[in-house]
Protein backbone atom coordinates (compact mmCIF):
# COMPACT_ATOMS: atom_id res chain seq x y z
CA MET A 1 137.37 237.47 114.95
CA ARG A 2 138.18 240.48 117.12
CA ALA A 3 136.77 238.67 120.15
CA LEU A 4 138.75 235.57 119.27
CA ASN A 5 141.99 237.51 118.93
CA THR A 6 141.42 239.36 122.20
CA ARG A 7 140.72 236.13 124.10
CA PHE A 8 143.69 234.39 122.51
CA GLU A 9 146.09 237.17 123.49
CA ASP A 10 144.71 237.23 127.04
CA VAL A 11 145.13 233.47 127.58
CA GLN A 12 148.54 233.49 125.90
CA SER A 13 149.70 236.24 128.25
CA LYS A 14 148.57 234.26 131.30
CA ILE A 15 150.31 231.11 130.11
CA ARG A 16 153.50 233.04 129.38
CA GLN A 17 153.44 234.44 132.92
CA SER A 18 152.77 230.98 134.38
CA LEU A 19 155.68 229.41 132.51
CA GLN A 20 158.04 232.18 133.60
CA CYS A 21 157.21 231.34 137.23
CA ALA A 22 158.00 227.64 136.72
CA GLN A 23 161.34 226.19 137.76
CA ALA A 24 161.60 223.91 134.72
CA VAL A 25 159.65 223.20 131.54
CA SER A 26 159.58 220.14 129.29
CA ILE A 27 158.25 220.07 125.75
CA THR A 28 156.32 217.48 123.73
CA THR A 29 155.87 217.86 119.99
CA ASP A 30 154.59 216.01 116.95
CA LEU A 31 153.42 216.60 113.39
CA TRP A 32 149.99 215.87 111.89
CA SER A 33 148.08 216.55 108.66
CA SER A 34 144.67 218.21 108.24
CA LEU A 35 141.90 217.16 105.84
CA ARG A 36 143.48 219.41 103.22
CA MET A 37 146.80 217.60 103.76
CA GLU A 38 148.34 220.68 105.38
CA ALA A 39 151.09 219.76 107.84
CA TYR A 40 150.84 221.20 111.36
CA MET A 41 153.29 221.01 114.23
CA THR A 42 151.86 220.95 117.75
CA VAL A 43 153.99 221.96 120.75
CA THR A 44 152.87 221.45 124.36
CA ALA A 45 154.61 222.51 127.58
CA HIS A 46 154.65 220.79 130.97
CA CYS A 47 155.73 222.05 134.38
CA ILE A 48 154.99 221.60 138.08
CA ASN A 49 153.40 224.57 139.84
CA ALA A 50 153.91 225.80 143.40
CA ASP A 51 151.19 223.44 144.65
CA TRP A 52 152.97 220.42 143.11
CA GLU A 53 150.39 219.93 140.41
CA MET A 54 151.34 218.99 136.87
CA GLN A 55 150.40 221.72 134.39
CA SER A 56 150.04 220.89 130.67
CA VAL A 57 149.28 223.58 128.11
CA VAL A 58 149.33 223.91 124.34
CA LEU A 59 151.79 226.52 123.14
CA GLU A 60 151.01 226.48 119.44
CA THR A 61 149.68 224.45 116.53
CA LYS A 62 151.10 226.13 113.45
CA GLN A 63 151.34 225.10 109.84
CA MET A 64 154.70 223.61 108.85
CA GLU A 65 155.18 224.75 105.27
CA GLU A 66 158.90 224.08 105.15
CA THR A 67 160.33 220.57 104.78
CA HIS A 68 160.24 218.51 107.95
CA THR A 69 163.98 218.31 108.51
CA GLY A 70 165.64 218.18 111.91
CA ASP A 71 167.01 221.71 111.43
CA ASN A 72 163.59 223.18 110.63
CA ILE A 73 161.89 221.41 113.54
CA ALA A 74 164.65 222.62 115.90
CA ALA A 75 164.24 226.18 114.60
CA ARG A 76 160.49 226.03 115.22
CA LEU A 77 161.00 224.78 118.79
CA CYS A 78 163.44 227.63 119.44
CA GLN A 79 160.91 230.16 118.15
CA VAL A 80 158.19 228.77 120.41
CA ALA A 81 160.39 228.71 123.52
CA ASP A 82 161.62 232.25 122.87
CA SER A 83 158.11 233.59 122.22
CA TYR A 84 157.01 232.35 125.66
CA GLN A 85 160.25 233.61 127.23
CA ILE A 86 161.23 230.20 128.58
CA GLN A 87 164.78 230.65 129.85
CA GLN A 88 167.48 228.40 128.41
CA ASP A 89 168.35 226.79 131.73
CA MET A 90 164.66 225.91 132.26
CA ARG A 91 164.40 223.75 129.13
CA VAL A 92 164.73 220.21 130.46
CA ALA A 93 163.60 217.74 127.78
CA VAL A 94 161.87 217.29 124.44
CA VAL A 95 159.52 214.29 124.25
CA THR A 96 158.76 212.99 120.78
CA ASP A 97 158.39 209.78 118.80
CA ASN A 98 161.20 207.75 117.27
CA ALA A 99 161.14 209.47 113.87
CA ALA A 100 164.65 210.25 112.61
CA ASN A 101 163.92 213.94 111.96
CA MET A 102 162.55 214.41 115.49
CA VAL A 103 165.57 212.74 117.06
CA LEU A 104 167.90 214.83 114.90
CA SER A 105 166.12 218.06 115.93
CA VAL A 106 167.07 217.51 119.59
CA ASP A 107 170.70 216.93 118.60
CA VAL A 108 170.58 220.22 116.68
CA LEU A 109 169.18 222.01 119.75
CA LYS A 110 172.00 220.69 121.93
CA ASP A 111 174.68 221.68 119.42
CA SER A 112 173.21 225.18 119.04
CA GLY A 113 173.96 226.00 122.68
CA GLN A 114 170.49 227.48 123.23
CA TRP A 115 169.25 224.27 124.91
CA PRO A 116 172.43 223.23 126.78
CA GLU A 117 170.85 220.68 129.15
CA VAL A 118 167.95 219.41 127.03
CA GLN A 119 167.50 215.65 126.85
CA LEU A 120 165.72 213.60 124.23
CA VAL A 121 162.93 211.40 125.59
CA ARG A 122 161.57 208.92 123.09
CA CYS A 123 157.83 208.39 123.55
CA ALA A 124 157.34 205.27 125.71
CA GLY A 125 154.02 204.52 124.03
CA HIS A 126 155.56 204.60 120.57
CA THR A 127 158.52 202.49 121.68
CA LEU A 128 156.21 199.91 123.27
CA GLN A 129 154.30 199.86 119.97
CA LEU A 130 157.51 198.86 118.18
CA CYS A 131 158.27 196.19 120.80
CA VAL A 132 154.82 194.61 120.61
CA ASN A 133 154.74 194.77 116.81
CA SER A 134 157.96 192.76 116.67
CA ALA A 135 156.47 190.16 119.01
CA ILE A 136 153.14 189.67 117.23
CA LYS A 137 154.69 189.63 113.76
CA GLN A 138 156.20 186.25 114.59
CA ASP A 139 154.54 183.08 113.36
CA PRO A 140 152.17 181.55 114.36
CA VAL A 141 150.94 184.72 116.10
CA ALA A 142 150.89 186.72 112.86
CA ARG A 143 148.75 184.06 111.13
CA THR A 144 146.37 183.99 114.08
CA VAL A 145 145.95 187.77 114.05
CA GLY A 146 145.36 187.66 110.29
CA ALA A 147 142.67 184.99 110.71
CA ALA A 148 141.05 187.04 113.48
CA ARG A 149 140.92 190.14 111.27
CA HIS A 150 139.35 188.14 108.44
CA LEU A 151 136.73 186.74 110.84
CA VAL A 152 135.86 190.15 112.32
CA ALA A 153 135.60 191.71 108.85
CA HIS A 154 133.05 189.05 107.86
CA PHE A 155 130.78 189.95 110.78
CA LYS A 156 131.31 193.69 110.29
CA LYS A 157 130.34 193.66 106.60
CA GLY A 158 127.66 190.98 106.48
CA HIS A 159 124.17 191.98 107.67
CA LYS A 160 123.08 188.32 107.91
CA ALA A 161 126.10 187.45 110.03
CA LYS A 162 125.40 190.39 112.37
CA THR A 163 121.78 189.30 112.81
CA GLY A 164 122.84 185.73 113.49
CA LEU A 165 125.40 186.82 116.08
CA LYS A 166 122.78 188.80 118.02
CA GLU A 167 120.43 185.83 117.97
CA LYS A 168 123.10 183.41 119.20
CA GLN A 169 124.19 185.86 121.91
CA GLU A 170 120.64 185.96 123.26
CA GLN A 171 120.30 182.19 123.12
CA GLN A 172 123.60 181.57 124.91
CA ARG A 173 123.18 184.51 127.29
CA VAL A 174 126.49 186.02 126.24
CA PRO A 175 126.99 189.81 126.55
CA GLN A 176 125.67 191.45 123.40
CA HIS A 177 128.89 193.19 122.43
CA GLU A 178 129.93 193.99 118.91
CA LEU A 179 133.19 192.63 117.56
CA ILE A 180 136.17 195.00 117.44
CA GLN A 181 138.23 195.60 114.30
CA ASP A 182 141.82 196.45 115.13
CA VAL A 183 143.90 199.30 113.72
CA ALA A 184 147.35 198.38 112.47
CA THR A 185 149.01 201.44 114.09
CA ARG A 186 147.58 200.66 117.56
CA TRP A 187 148.70 197.36 118.99
CA ASN A 188 146.30 197.64 121.93
CA SER A 189 143.39 197.48 119.48
CA THR A 190 144.70 194.07 118.33
CA CYS A 191 144.60 192.90 121.94
CA TYR A 192 141.05 194.24 122.34
CA MET A 193 140.01 192.51 119.09
CA LEU A 194 141.30 189.12 120.27
CA GLU A 195 139.83 189.59 123.74
CA ARG A 196 136.37 190.33 122.29
CA LEU A 197 136.61 187.35 119.94
CA LEU A 198 137.39 185.07 122.89
CA GLU A 199 134.39 186.46 124.74
CA GLN A 200 132.13 185.79 121.75
CA ARG A 201 133.78 182.53 120.65
CA TRP A 202 130.80 180.21 121.03
CA PRO A 203 128.14 182.53 119.52
CA ILE A 204 130.53 183.07 116.58
CA THR A 205 131.06 179.33 116.17
CA ALA A 206 127.31 178.78 116.28
CA VAL A 207 126.72 181.35 113.54
CA LEU A 208 129.43 179.87 111.32
CA SER A 209 127.96 176.37 111.69
CA ASP A 210 124.38 177.52 111.02
CA PRO A 211 123.58 177.26 107.25
CA ASN A 212 120.87 179.92 107.70
CA TYR A 213 123.57 182.52 108.28
CA THR A 214 126.77 181.14 106.75
CA LYS A 215 127.42 179.24 103.54
CA ARG A 216 129.11 175.90 104.04
CA SER A 217 131.88 176.92 101.66
CA ASP A 218 132.61 179.99 103.82
CA SER A 219 132.40 178.24 107.18
CA SER A 220 135.65 176.31 106.81
CA THR A 221 137.64 179.35 105.65
CA LEU A 222 136.29 181.75 108.29
CA ASP A 223 136.42 179.73 111.49
CA MET A 224 139.64 179.78 113.49
CA THR A 225 141.26 176.51 114.50
CA THR A 226 141.47 175.36 118.11
CA GLU A 227 145.20 176.12 118.05
CA GLN A 228 144.51 179.67 116.87
CA TRP A 229 141.95 180.22 119.62
CA ASN A 230 144.55 179.07 122.17
CA ILE A 231 147.16 181.40 120.65
CA ALA A 232 144.68 184.30 120.84
CA GLN A 233 144.29 183.56 124.56
CA ASP A 234 148.08 183.49 125.01
CA VAL A 235 148.47 186.86 123.24
CA THR A 236 145.83 188.60 125.37
CA ASP A 237 147.28 187.14 128.58
CA VAL A 238 150.71 188.56 127.76
CA LEU A 239 149.62 191.95 126.37
CA LYS A 240 146.93 193.07 128.87
CA PRO A 241 149.40 194.23 131.58
CA ILE A 242 151.34 196.11 128.89
CA ILE A 243 148.14 198.04 128.06
CA THR A 244 147.93 199.01 131.74
CA LEU A 245 151.59 200.08 131.64
CA THR A 246 150.94 202.28 128.58
CA GLU A 247 147.94 203.90 130.28
CA LEU A 248 149.97 204.67 133.41
CA LEU A 249 152.82 206.18 131.43
CA SER A 250 150.39 208.29 129.37
CA GLN A 251 148.89 210.09 132.35
CA GLU A 252 149.21 213.88 132.13
CA ASN A 253 148.34 214.76 135.73
CA ASN A 254 151.08 212.82 137.49
CA ALA A 255 154.76 212.09 137.08
CA SER A 256 155.44 209.30 134.59
CA ILE A 257 159.07 209.54 133.47
CA SER A 258 160.29 208.38 136.90
CA ALA A 259 158.26 205.17 136.65
CA THR A 260 159.39 204.13 133.15
CA PHE A 261 162.51 202.07 133.90
CA PRO A 262 161.25 200.60 137.22
CA MET A 263 157.93 199.57 135.65
CA LEU A 264 159.66 198.00 132.66
CA GLU A 265 161.94 196.03 134.98
CA ASN A 266 158.97 194.96 137.14
CA LEU A 267 157.12 193.92 134.00
CA LYS A 268 160.05 191.74 132.92
CA LYS A 269 160.61 190.31 136.39
CA CYS A 270 157.00 189.62 137.38
CA HIS A 271 155.09 189.12 134.13
CA LEU A 272 157.39 188.37 131.21
CA VAL A 273 159.46 185.76 133.00
CA VAL A 274 159.00 182.37 131.29
CA ALA A 275 157.02 179.91 133.45
CA HIS A 276 157.32 176.12 133.24
CA ASN A 277 153.67 175.76 132.18
CA ASP A 278 153.80 178.39 129.40
CA SER A 279 152.87 177.24 125.93
CA PRO A 280 155.57 177.48 123.22
CA THR A 281 153.78 180.49 121.72
CA LYS A 282 153.52 182.35 125.02
CA ARG A 283 157.19 181.62 125.72
CA LYS A 284 158.13 182.94 122.29
CA ILE A 285 156.15 186.18 122.78
CA LYS A 286 157.65 186.81 126.22
CA LEU A 287 161.23 186.24 125.09
CA LYS A 288 160.79 188.54 122.10
CA LEU A 289 159.26 191.30 124.21
CA VAL A 290 162.10 191.15 126.75
CA GLU A 291 164.65 191.25 123.94
CA GLU A 292 162.97 194.27 122.31
CA ILE A 293 162.55 196.19 125.59
CA ASP A 294 166.21 195.66 126.53
CA SER A 295 167.35 196.67 123.05
CA ARG A 296 165.23 199.79 122.56
CA TRP A 297 165.68 201.20 126.09
CA LYS A 298 169.25 199.87 126.46
CA LEU A 299 168.40 198.67 129.96
CA HIS A 300 171.50 196.47 130.21
CA ASP A 301 173.90 198.75 128.37
CA ARG A 302 176.89 199.34 130.65
CA LEU A 303 177.51 202.62 128.86
CA MET A 304 174.06 203.90 129.84
CA THR A 305 174.60 207.23 131.57
CA THR A 306 173.29 207.60 135.09
CA ARG A 307 172.54 211.25 134.30
CA SER A 308 169.73 210.13 131.99
CA VAL A 309 166.45 211.78 132.96
CA TYR A 310 164.88 208.31 133.27
CA ILE A 311 167.30 207.40 136.08
CA THR A 312 167.63 210.75 137.83
CA ALA A 313 163.83 211.13 137.85
CA ALA A 314 163.51 207.65 139.37
CA VAL A 315 165.78 208.81 142.20
CA MET A 316 163.30 211.60 142.92
CA ASP A 317 160.36 209.17 143.01
CA PRO A 318 160.07 207.80 146.58
CA ARG A 319 158.59 204.58 145.20
CA PHE A 320 161.66 203.72 143.12
CA LYS A 321 164.56 205.61 144.74
CA SER A 322 166.35 202.35 145.63
CA LEU A 323 167.10 201.91 141.87
CA SER A 324 167.05 198.13 142.24
CA PHE A 325 167.40 197.78 138.47
CA LEU A 326 170.93 199.27 138.54
CA GLU A 327 174.26 197.92 139.69
CA ASP A 328 175.71 199.36 142.91
CA ASP A 329 178.30 201.61 141.25
CA LYS A 330 175.75 203.00 138.77
CA ARG A 331 173.29 203.57 141.59
CA ASP A 332 175.81 205.65 143.57
CA GLU A 333 176.63 207.66 140.45
CA ALA A 334 172.94 208.48 140.01
CA TYR A 335 172.58 209.64 143.63
CA ILE A 336 175.65 211.87 143.27
CA ALA A 337 174.37 213.31 139.99
CA VAL A 338 171.03 214.27 141.57
CA ALA A 339 172.70 215.74 144.66
CA GLU A 340 174.98 217.85 142.46
CA LEU A 341 171.98 219.03 140.46
CA ALA A 342 170.12 219.92 143.67
CA ASP A 343 173.11 221.92 144.99
CA ARG A 344 173.43 223.77 141.70
CA LEU A 345 169.72 224.61 141.58
CA SER A 346 169.76 225.69 145.21
CA ALA A 347 172.71 228.01 144.61
CA ALA A 348 171.00 229.51 141.57
CA ALA A 349 167.79 230.04 143.46
CA GLY A 350 169.65 231.87 146.25
CA ALA A 351 168.77 231.96 149.91
CA HIS A 352 165.19 233.01 149.30
CA ARG A 353 162.71 230.18 149.67
CA GLY A 354 158.96 230.39 149.05
CA ALA A 355 156.58 229.72 151.89
CA ALA A 356 154.27 227.54 149.80
CA GLY A 357 154.60 224.62 152.19
CA ALA A 358 154.62 226.63 155.46
CA GLY A 359 151.29 225.33 156.62
CA GLN A 360 152.01 221.75 155.62
CA THR A 361 152.70 219.02 158.14
CA GLN A 362 156.10 217.32 158.03
CA ASP A 363 154.53 213.93 158.38
CA THR A 364 153.70 211.73 155.47
CA ASP A 365 150.36 212.06 153.73
CA GLU A 366 147.62 210.50 155.84
CA GLU A 367 146.72 208.49 152.79
CA ASP A 368 150.04 206.67 153.08
CA LEU A 369 149.62 205.97 156.82
CA GLU A 370 146.04 204.75 156.94
CA GLN A 371 145.33 201.31 155.61
CA ALA A 372 142.22 201.12 153.47
CA PRO A 373 139.80 198.27 154.12
CA LYS A 374 140.76 195.22 152.11
CA LYS A 375 138.75 194.45 149.01
CA GLN A 376 139.06 192.21 146.02
CA LYS A 377 141.30 193.72 143.36
CA THR A 378 140.31 193.79 139.72
CA ASP A 379 142.67 192.41 137.07
CA LYS A 380 143.72 195.94 136.18
CA GLU A 381 144.44 196.83 139.83
CA LYS A 382 146.57 193.70 140.11
CA ASP A 383 148.50 194.75 137.02
CA ILE A 384 149.10 198.22 138.50
CA ALA A 385 150.30 196.70 141.77
CA MET A 386 152.67 194.42 139.85
CA LEU A 387 154.11 197.32 137.85
CA LEU A 388 154.58 199.57 140.87
CA CYS A 389 155.80 196.87 143.30
CA GLY A 390 155.61 199.47 146.07
CA GLU A 391 154.99 199.19 149.77
CA VAL A 392 154.01 201.76 152.37
CA ALA A 393 156.12 202.41 155.44
CA ASP A 394 156.16 204.91 158.29
CA ASP A 395 157.89 208.27 158.06
CA GLU A 396 160.27 209.93 160.49
CA GLU A 397 161.02 213.55 161.32
CA LEU A 398 164.32 215.05 160.21
CA ASP A 399 166.23 218.16 161.09
CA VAL A 400 166.44 220.25 157.91
CA GLN A 401 168.70 223.01 159.19
CA GLY A 402 172.20 223.36 157.81
CA ARG A 403 172.19 220.37 155.47
CA SER A 404 173.73 220.17 152.03
CA ALA A 405 172.09 218.37 149.14
CA PHE A 406 174.30 215.35 149.88
CA ASP A 407 173.08 215.30 153.50
CA GLU A 408 169.50 215.56 152.25
CA MET A 409 170.12 212.71 149.82
CA LYS A 410 171.44 210.50 152.61
CA ASP A 411 168.39 211.19 154.78
CA TYR A 412 166.04 210.86 151.81
CA LEU A 413 167.39 207.42 150.94
CA GLN A 414 166.86 206.30 154.54
CA ASP A 415 163.32 207.70 154.58
CA ARG A 416 160.91 204.76 154.62
CA SER A 417 157.79 206.52 153.32
CA LYS A 418 156.92 205.51 149.76
CA GLY A 419 153.82 207.46 148.71
CA THR A 420 152.62 204.51 146.62
CA THR A 421 148.95 205.41 146.67
CA SER A 422 149.23 209.16 146.26
CA GLY A 423 152.08 209.41 143.76
CA PRO A 424 155.42 211.26 143.89
CA LEU A 425 154.02 214.78 143.43
CA SER A 426 151.74 214.43 146.43
CA TRP A 427 154.63 213.01 148.46
CA TRP A 428 156.90 215.94 147.60
CA LYS A 429 154.13 218.41 148.36
CA HIS A 430 154.07 217.13 151.94
CA ASN A 431 157.84 216.68 152.29
CA GLN A 432 159.38 219.61 150.39
CA ASP A 433 160.16 221.43 153.64
CA ARG A 434 162.17 218.45 154.86
CA TYR A 435 164.26 218.25 151.68
CA PRO A 436 164.24 221.78 150.23
CA ARG A 437 167.24 221.31 147.94
CA LEU A 438 166.12 217.95 146.60
CA ALA A 439 162.63 219.39 146.07
CA LEU A 440 164.12 221.76 143.49
CA ALA A 441 165.61 218.81 141.63
CA ALA A 442 162.32 216.92 141.92
CA LYS A 443 160.39 219.74 140.25
CA ARG A 444 162.90 219.81 137.43
CA LEU A 445 163.03 216.06 136.81
CA LEU A 446 159.44 214.99 137.42
CA CYS A 447 157.91 217.50 134.99
CA VAL A 448 158.92 215.37 131.99
CA PRO A 449 156.12 213.15 130.59
CA ALA A 450 157.10 209.64 129.50
CA THR A 451 155.11 209.83 126.26
CA SER A 452 154.28 212.38 123.58
CA THR A 453 150.59 211.60 124.16
CA PRO A 454 149.81 215.20 125.26
CA ALA A 455 150.75 216.45 121.78
CA GLU A 456 149.01 213.56 120.05
CA ARG A 457 145.79 214.15 122.00
CA ILE A 458 145.63 217.55 120.35
CA PHE A 459 145.23 215.77 117.01
CA SER A 460 141.86 214.41 118.17
CA LYS A 461 140.78 217.87 119.29
CA ALA A 462 141.94 219.28 115.96
CA GLY A 463 139.82 216.70 114.16
CA PHE A 464 136.68 218.19 115.69
CA ILE A 465 137.76 221.72 114.81
CA VAL A 466 139.15 221.19 111.29
CA ASN A 467 136.32 219.00 110.02
CA LYS A 468 134.84 218.64 106.54
CA SER A 469 132.51 221.61 106.94
CA ARG A 470 135.34 223.83 108.22
CA SER A 471 138.20 222.57 106.08
CA CYS A 472 138.93 226.07 104.74
CA LEU A 473 139.89 227.54 108.11
CA LEU A 474 143.01 229.64 107.86
CA PRO A 475 146.04 228.12 109.62
CA LYS A 476 146.27 231.06 112.05
CA ASN A 477 142.63 230.50 113.06
CA VAL A 478 143.24 226.77 113.47
CA ASP A 479 146.06 227.64 115.87
CA MET A 480 143.91 230.02 117.91
CA LEU A 481 140.91 227.67 118.10
CA ILE A 482 142.97 224.66 119.21
CA PHE A 483 144.90 226.85 121.66
CA LEU A 484 141.71 228.17 123.28
CA ALA A 485 139.91 224.81 123.20
CA HIS A 486 142.69 223.19 125.24
CA ASN A 487 143.85 226.05 127.47
CA LEU A 488 140.74 228.02 128.38
CA SER A 489 139.60 225.69 131.17
CA LYS A 490 143.15 225.47 132.57
CA VAL A 491 143.62 229.26 132.72
CA ASP A 492 140.13 230.02 134.02
């Protein structure tokens, strides 16, 4: 225990020092319950270091004995930020799910005056979950998913059915994959379940029609109709690119908040648009998804503020800076807002500038200039290309002396380099000397993750630590073990 405490204090001191050197910090948080039904609140911090790398660390995982009200959650977040000496003007955003108490906690933080510029970012993964749930709860999709679950459960529980499936797979030379049972709280698992069923359709049908493995009375109730098989295909066709979108937005090592609105708009424009040959079910799913996405993200709300971190971060992403999803007047407002932020940050930072990029070339990353040899793209790579809708162009040299943030913004918007392959952080690493004021704004805006996945991933790590044989761990030891398990490799 002495060794554990010593190591914990050492790592905590290094993280505190690292966060104090950051220009901006965003927070993700969520609540979870242990095997003993003890509630814990996990808080993670995210910032961009001097080398333009995203840094994600766990700050604490402490027991939440008080009621989970917005006031209590806000008080806990204040305690964590103060304990790590994160300055008030460095606190950019809190990323959490759509729970009412979490949303209220951010409002409390704003009203308290201790987090004057903090913005609430609702987890994109959780919001997409709500959108997809609304789409697949419609009939006849809901009945098809129910039939699929019943069919998978039969093969999961019955030893004879499992044996028969393996035999039919060998006979038909179909990949010997097990069926997947979905989880109600994870819509992507429903997509994976249907996709696996479609792969194994004919071996399954053969087992159900073979009296050696299935009773005749069960065969008619278990097998899915031809219409249901077609609906399952429609559902997987629509949802697979959305799985790719969720994976991209859940990345911890690159900027994701800047891509949220542009990717959603590209998804609607390129994938969810209704085609003339779409089946009625596919058309119904697409229309419902578009309706839910517009409603939950308020993409077409004229009152949507252009100072939202989603929009201002998109300005700082060279792939999406044109803001094609906004009207002209809103677009200009967003550019002005970012330029004002850059001027304010530059004035606060003073005349002193670090020499982190002194040895860097002013040209665009070679990765953006060299064309890779053409190769066939996988389905997932095609989905990523559709979501990004980016193109690579040449860069040009600019005179950086004596320019205001508004001058930098004008030159930045005319800059043709996109950084599609390397991402926005790599682009800014190679161009921060050309746009020094905007680079300050970029570090502040791009450090916000689009999802609360970083906090939720700690739940999985906690499950290995607080297991059945260690269920009596004291809460303070749970905090230290999770803290060290996640942060040790990052600090060392």
